[in-house]
Amino acid sequence: MTNKYEAQIEPAFAQLLKAAKKSQLPELHTLAPDAARSQYAAGVSLIAEGSPDMASVKDLRIETPETILPARLYRPHSAPPKATALLVYFHGGGWSFGSIDTHDHICRRLAIALDGLVLSVGYRLAPENKFPAAVEDAINAATWASGNARTLGADPAKLFLGGDSAGGNLAAVAAIAARDMNGPPIAGQLLIYPATDMSMGFASHTAFGDDYRLTRPLMVWSALNYLRDGRDVTDPRASPLLATSHADLPPAIVITAGFDPLRDEGEAYANTLRKAGIDVDYKCYTGAIHGFIGMTSVSQTAGECLAFAGGALRTAVSKASEITI
């Protein structure tokens, strides 16, 4: 860790980074995809606090023209029996690892904070499934959720898309696709440290590309896994910041971490949306690192962030209800 920043990072995250370095585990980018997925899942179990109780948790299958996607529906005890909000959530993991299981504790806490339903969706992973497979899955999942909202106990007018990191990227891209392809109406987007520009050219990539969990070698590995070739870097379906227009998109909640290589591109996306006239609620957790929302056993900041996200979503739900009325 660079001494320049050591005093500014939250102590709990600094300790976690030091422990990870001492563990001598291989870096994820040096492993085969299946091994990387197993090691990532094992790491999540060490930093995730116990899963909060739900009124119900139901595993589902979403049939699409290309494949069948695993999904999990969370209903907290506080959710109304019907006509509630529905957040379709895409997990992070560099498009190469992560699953509905690794993000189970996150989705449970989001459901409680939202007082609504969360539908966690698994998508096809790279490198076995190259871009735009995950994009197609995200778009199809959003369409399916809209069409089945009432059956699930939700109001289709209160449909939100969300995700963290690669999942935030997919949520943003699916929201753009819904606008451009006459897709389902999206009431809002929750983008947690989203990847928005695959060129990796922002200053935060240089400042925090080493020693802060999400390293530049891991980002390059993820991009090579995911993208077919260099031309995909500038495809707006991979880099939503490069979309021709950001007008008429849903309101957005954008969250970043101060010690995250993706910080600047997340902030840039928030600013771009604002310039296009979109209502944006932006918050940077200045002492946090990439992936921090899953570290509920390490730092209370993770729980505070999920509570903030849920509160911001509830505000968006209220606005969506006013529009519906």
Foldseek 3Di string as FASTA:
>chain_A
DDPVCPVPADVLLVVVLVVVVVVPDDDLLVDDLVVSQVVVLVVLVVQFDDADDAPDKDWDWQDDPVGIKIKIKTQHPQADQAAAAEEEEEEDDLLRYDDCVSCVRLLRLLCVLQSGMYMYIDFDGWPVDAPPRRLVVLLSVQQVCLVCVRVVRHNSLRYEYEYEACRLLSRLLSQVCCVVVVGRDHLEYEYELYQAALVLPDPLLVVQQPSQSNHPSNSVSSCPGHHPDPVCRQPCSRHVLNDPALAPTHAYEFEEEQNESSRVVSVSSQVRNVVNVHHYHYDYNNNDGGPCLSRVNRDCVNSVVSSVSSVVSNVSSVVSVVVVD
